[in-house]
Amino acid sequence: MSTETHADIRDMYMAHTVFRREFGLLPAAISNVPTADVTRAQVVAQHYELIHEMLHHHHQAEDIYLFPRLVGRTQEAPPIVAALEAQHEELDNVLADLTAGVNGWRETADPAQGARLAETAGRLSGLLDDHMNAEEEQAMALIAQHITTAEYGEMVAVGAAGVKPDDMMVLFGMVMYEGDPEVIKETIDHMPDEIRPGMAERAAGAFARHSELVHGTPTPPKSTEL
């Protein structure tokens, strides 16, 4: 009889909360850039790059380390995974359009370009919300039943490996802002000794400063308020 434990998926819900909030706030962040304010456009563009990179590594880790295993272990999984992977592809297409637009707009802060980008960002947010709802409603229970702790940890580690060291504090603060305190504590407890002391305070401060710069407030609306 196997003694392997199965995945604790609470951190996936926390990642989804970050994506709902930050991509939900993105259209307004773009729209609020004054005409020709290139400095401000660069700030918003860099923020988009940060959350885009986080989402990319999250989905890539699912595609490589999670979904194929799930398909092989339960007959319920193949149609669910096929639909989720199709949504990943659709999201990638919209993200490519948004990235291309951001790369031009950040150099001009042209209001017409900004309006188109904000519309695309809003469409992206809606599609992403639909995708995460589907994943939570259809796949999360299967992941918890059929993926081991070690396998899930491998997926999380691969996703985290894509994070640049300079971005770690801000991203962890993003997760902490609405995260489950118990999961946050457990995560910090497993960090290396040299970075654990004061991690929560430093990450919260880094996110507050980042949010003030991007959204104009250290306490932006939460995902449930959008």
Protein backbone atom coordinates (compact mmCIF):
# COMPACT_ATOMS: atom_id res chain seq x y z
CA MET A 1 0.00 0.00 0.00
CA SER A 2 1.39 3.39 -1.03
CA THR A 3 2.32 5.79 1.75
CA GLU A 4 2.74 8.75 -0.60
CA THR A 5 0.88 11.88 0.42
CA HIS A 6 -1.09 13.85 -2.11
CA ALA A 7 -0.81 17.43 -3.22
CA ASP A 8 -1.72 20.34 -0.99
CA ILE A 9 -3.21 22.66 -3.59
CA ARG A 10 -3.88 25.69 -1.39
CA ASP A 11 -1.02 27.63 -2.95
CA MET A 12 -2.56 27.22 -6.40
CA TYR A 13 -5.68 29.00 -5.20
CA MET A 14 -3.41 31.79 -3.90
CA ALA A 15 -1.66 32.09 -7.27
CA HIS A 16 -5.05 32.34 -8.97
CA THR A 17 -6.00 35.13 -6.57
CA VAL A 18 -2.89 37.08 -7.60
CA PHE A 19 -3.70 36.64 -11.29
CA ARG A 20 -7.33 37.67 -10.81
CA ARG A 21 -6.31 40.83 -8.96
CA GLU A 22 -3.30 41.97 -10.97
CA PHE A 23 -4.69 41.23 -14.43
CA GLY A 24 -8.05 42.60 -13.32
CA LEU A 25 -6.39 45.89 -12.35
CA LEU A 26 -4.29 46.10 -15.52
CA PRO A 27 -6.85 47.79 -17.84
CA ALA A 28 -7.24 50.71 -15.43
CA ALA A 29 -3.47 50.96 -14.91
CA ILE A 30 -3.05 51.33 -18.69
CA SER A 31 -5.97 53.74 -19.11
CA ASN A 32 -4.74 55.99 -16.31
CA VAL A 33 -1.41 56.77 -18.04
CA PRO A 34 -1.52 60.43 -19.15
CA THR A 35 -0.97 61.24 -22.81
CA ALA A 36 2.72 61.11 -23.76
CA ASP A 37 3.81 60.25 -20.21
CA VAL A 38 6.41 57.74 -21.31
CA THR A 39 7.88 57.40 -17.82
CA ARG A 40 4.52 56.31 -16.47
CA ALA A 41 3.93 53.99 -19.44
CA GLN A 42 7.27 52.29 -18.73
CA VAL A 43 6.21 51.64 -15.12
CA VAL A 44 2.98 49.97 -16.22
CA ALA A 45 4.75 48.05 -18.99
CA GLN A 46 7.32 46.68 -16.54
CA HIS A 47 4.53 45.64 -14.18
CA TYR A 48 2.80 43.82 -17.04
CA GLU A 49 6.04 42.03 -17.87
CA LEU A 50 6.36 40.92 -14.25
CA ILE A 51 2.89 39.40 -13.94
CA HIS A 52 3.05 38.00 -17.48
CA GLU A 53 6.26 36.18 -16.63
CA MET A 54 4.69 34.79 -13.46
CA LEU A 55 1.66 33.54 -15.39
CA HIS A 56 3.82 32.06 -18.14
CA HIS A 57 5.88 29.96 -15.75
CA HIS A 58 2.75 28.87 -13.88
CA HIS A 59 1.05 27.61 -17.03
CA GLN A 60 4.22 26.10 -18.47
CA ALA A 61 4.77 24.09 -15.28
CA GLU A 62 1.17 22.84 -15.44
CA ASP A 63 1.52 21.83 -19.09
CA ILE A 64 4.75 19.90 -18.54
CA TYR A 65 4.61 18.51 -14.99
CA LEU A 66 0.96 18.39 -13.97
CA PHE A 67 -1.53 17.81 -16.78
CA PRO A 68 0.20 14.82 -18.46
CA ARG A 69 0.37 12.97 -15.14
CA LEU A 70 -3.26 13.70 -14.41
CA VAL A 71 -4.37 12.37 -17.81
CA GLY A 72 -2.63 9.07 -17.15
CA ARG A 73 -4.28 8.45 -13.78
CA THR A 74 -8.01 8.98 -14.08
CA GLN A 75 -10.52 8.63 -16.89
CA GLU A 76 -12.14 11.89 -15.85
CA ALA A 77 -9.02 13.91 -16.68
CA PRO A 78 -8.49 13.78 -20.48
CA PRO A 79 -11.46 15.95 -21.57
CA ILE A 80 -10.91 18.36 -18.69
CA VAL A 81 -7.19 18.70 -19.42
CA ALA A 82 -7.82 19.08 -23.15
CA ALA A 83 -10.15 22.00 -22.45
CA LEU A 84 -7.69 23.63 -20.03
CA GLU A 85 -4.81 23.26 -22.48
CA ALA A 86 -6.95 24.83 -25.23
CA GLN A 87 -7.61 27.74 -22.89
CA HIS A 88 -3.86 28.07 -22.27
CA GLU A 89 -3.36 28.37 -26.03
CA GLU A 90 -6.10 30.98 -26.36
CA LEU A 91 -4.60 32.96 -23.48
CA ASP A 92 -1.14 32.76 -25.06
CA ASN A 93 -2.52 34.28 -28.27
CA VAL A 94 -4.11 37.21 -26.42
CA LEU A 95 -0.96 37.67 -24.31
CA ALA A 96 1.12 37.81 -27.51
CA ASP A 97 -1.14 40.55 -28.88
CA LEU A 98 -0.97 42.47 -25.62
CA THR A 99 2.81 42.16 -25.38
CA ALA A 100 3.28 43.41 -28.92
CA GLY A 101 1.03 46.37 -28.21
CA VAL A 102 2.73 47.20 -24.92
CA ASN A 103 6.14 47.20 -26.60
CA GLY A 104 5.04 50.02 -28.91
CA TRP A 105 2.89 51.96 -26.46
CA ARG A 106 5.57 52.12 -23.76
CA GLU A 107 7.71 54.30 -26.07
CA THR A 108 4.95 56.81 -26.90
CA ALA A 109 2.16 56.60 -24.28
CA ASP A 110 -0.18 57.31 -27.18
CA PRO A 111 -3.78 57.46 -25.86
CA ALA A 112 -5.32 55.67 -28.84
CA GLN A 113 -2.84 52.82 -28.45
CA GLY A 114 -3.53 52.82 -24.73
CA ALA A 115 -7.27 52.51 -25.26
CA ARG A 116 -6.76 49.48 -27.51
CA LEU A 117 -4.38 47.93 -25.00
CA ALA A 118 -6.79 48.47 -22.13
CA GLU A 119 -9.51 46.74 -24.15
CA THR A 120 -7.20 43.79 -24.87
CA ALA A 121 -6.16 43.64 -21.22
CA GLY A 122 -9.81 43.53 -20.20
CA ARG A 123 -10.47 40.68 -22.63
CA LEU A 124 -7.45 38.85 -21.25
CA SER A 125 -8.66 39.28 -17.68
CA GLY A 126 -12.06 37.83 -18.57
CA LEU A 127 -10.58 34.82 -20.36
CA LEU A 128 -8.14 34.20 -17.54
CA ASP A 129 -10.91 34.35 -14.95
CA ASP A 130 -12.97 31.85 -16.96
CA HIS A 131 -9.95 29.54 -17.22
CA MET A 132 -9.16 29.64 -13.52
CA ASN A 133 -12.82 29.08 -12.62
CA ALA A 134 -12.85 26.00 -14.85
CA GLU A 135 -9.62 24.72 -13.34
CA GLU A 136 -10.89 25.21 -9.80
CA GLU A 137 -14.29 23.66 -10.48
CA GLN A 138 -13.17 20.70 -12.57
CA ALA A 139 -9.48 19.93 -12.02
CA MET A 140 -8.47 20.90 -8.50
CA ALA A 141 -10.13 17.94 -6.80
CA LEU A 142 -8.52 15.55 -9.30
CA ILE A 143 -5.10 17.11 -8.66
CA ALA A 144 -5.54 16.67 -4.92
CA GLN A 145 -6.53 13.02 -5.43
CA HIS A 146 -4.07 11.88 -8.09
CA ILE A 147 -0.90 14.01 -7.84
CA THR A 148 1.60 13.31 -5.08
CA THR A 149 3.20 15.90 -2.85
CA ALA A 150 6.57 15.26 -4.51
CA GLU A 151 5.18 15.65 -8.02
CA TYR A 152 3.30 18.81 -7.12
CA GLY A 153 6.43 20.17 -5.46
CA GLU A 154 8.36 19.55 -8.67
CA MET A 155 5.85 21.61 -10.62
CA VAL A 156 5.97 24.44 -8.07
CA ALA A 157 9.79 24.41 -8.02
CA VAL A 158 10.01 24.62 -11.80
CA GLY A 159 7.57 27.52 -11.86
CA ALA A 160 9.48 29.32 -9.11
CA ALA A 161 12.81 28.75 -10.84
CA GLY A 162 11.77 31.21 -13.53
CA VAL A 163 11.48 34.05 -11.01
CA LYS A 164 14.33 36.55 -11.15
CA PRO A 165 15.95 37.05 -7.72
CA ASP A 166 15.28 40.80 -7.87
CA ASP A 167 11.56 40.12 -8.32
CA MET A 168 11.15 37.56 -5.55
CA MET A 169 10.20 39.98 -2.77
CA VAL A 170 7.56 41.79 -4.81
CA LEU A 171 6.03 38.56 -6.11
CA PHE A 172 5.94 36.95 -2.68
CA GLY A 173 4.34 40.13 -1.36
CA MET A 174 1.73 39.88 -4.11
CA VAL A 175 0.86 36.39 -2.91
CA MET A 176 0.85 37.43 0.76
CA TYR A 177 -1.55 40.33 0.17
CA GLU A 178 -4.57 38.01 0.00
CA GLY A 179 -2.87 34.72 0.84
CA ASP A 180 -3.80 32.12 3.41
CA PRO A 181 -1.73 33.05 6.51
CA GLU A 182 -1.18 29.39 7.39
CA VAL A 183 0.20 28.58 3.93
CA ILE A 184 2.35 31.72 3.96
CA LYS A 185 3.85 30.73 7.32
CA GLU A 186 4.54 27.19 6.11
CA THR A 187 6.20 28.56 2.96
CA ILE A 188 8.46 30.89 4.94
CA ASP A 189 9.30 28.10 7.41
CA HIS A 190 10.71 26.06 4.49
CA MET A 191 12.86 28.89 3.12
CA PRO A 192 16.65 28.90 3.61
CA ASP A 193 17.82 30.17 7.00
CA GLU A 194 19.58 33.17 5.49
CA ILE A 195 16.42 34.69 3.97
CA ARG A 196 13.74 33.56 6.45
CA PRO A 197 14.14 36.26 9.14
CA GLY A 198 11.89 39.23 8.42
CA MET A 199 10.74 37.74 5.10
CA ALA A 200 7.06 38.53 5.63
CA GLU A 201 7.72 42.16 6.55
CA ARG A 202 10.18 42.72 3.70
CA ALA A 203 7.90 41.12 1.11
CA ALA A 204 4.86 43.05 2.30
CA GLY A 205 6.84 46.30 2.11
CA ALA A 206 8.16 45.50 -1.35
CA PHE A 207 4.65 44.84 -2.64
CA ALA A 208 3.24 47.98 -1.00
CA ARG A 209 5.92 50.13 -2.68
CA HIS A 210 5.39 48.41 -6.01
CA SER A 211 1.62 48.79 -5.80
CA GLU A 212 1.93 52.45 -4.88
CA LEU A 213 4.04 52.99 -7.98
CA VAL A 214 1.78 51.02 -10.34
CA HIS A 215 -1.72 51.50 -8.92
CA GLY A 216 -1.30 54.66 -6.87
CA THR A 217 -2.00 52.93 -3.57
CA PRO A 218 -0.15 50.44 -1.33
CA THR A 219 -3.48 48.65 -0.76
CA PRO A 220 -5.07 48.05 -4.17
CA PRO A 221 -8.56 46.53 -4.49
CA LYS A 222 -8.60 42.85 -3.64
CA SER A 223 -9.67 40.19 -6.11
CA THR A 224 -13.10 39.97 -4.47
CA GLU A 225 -13.60 43.72 -4.92
CA LEU A 226 -13.07 43.84 -8.69
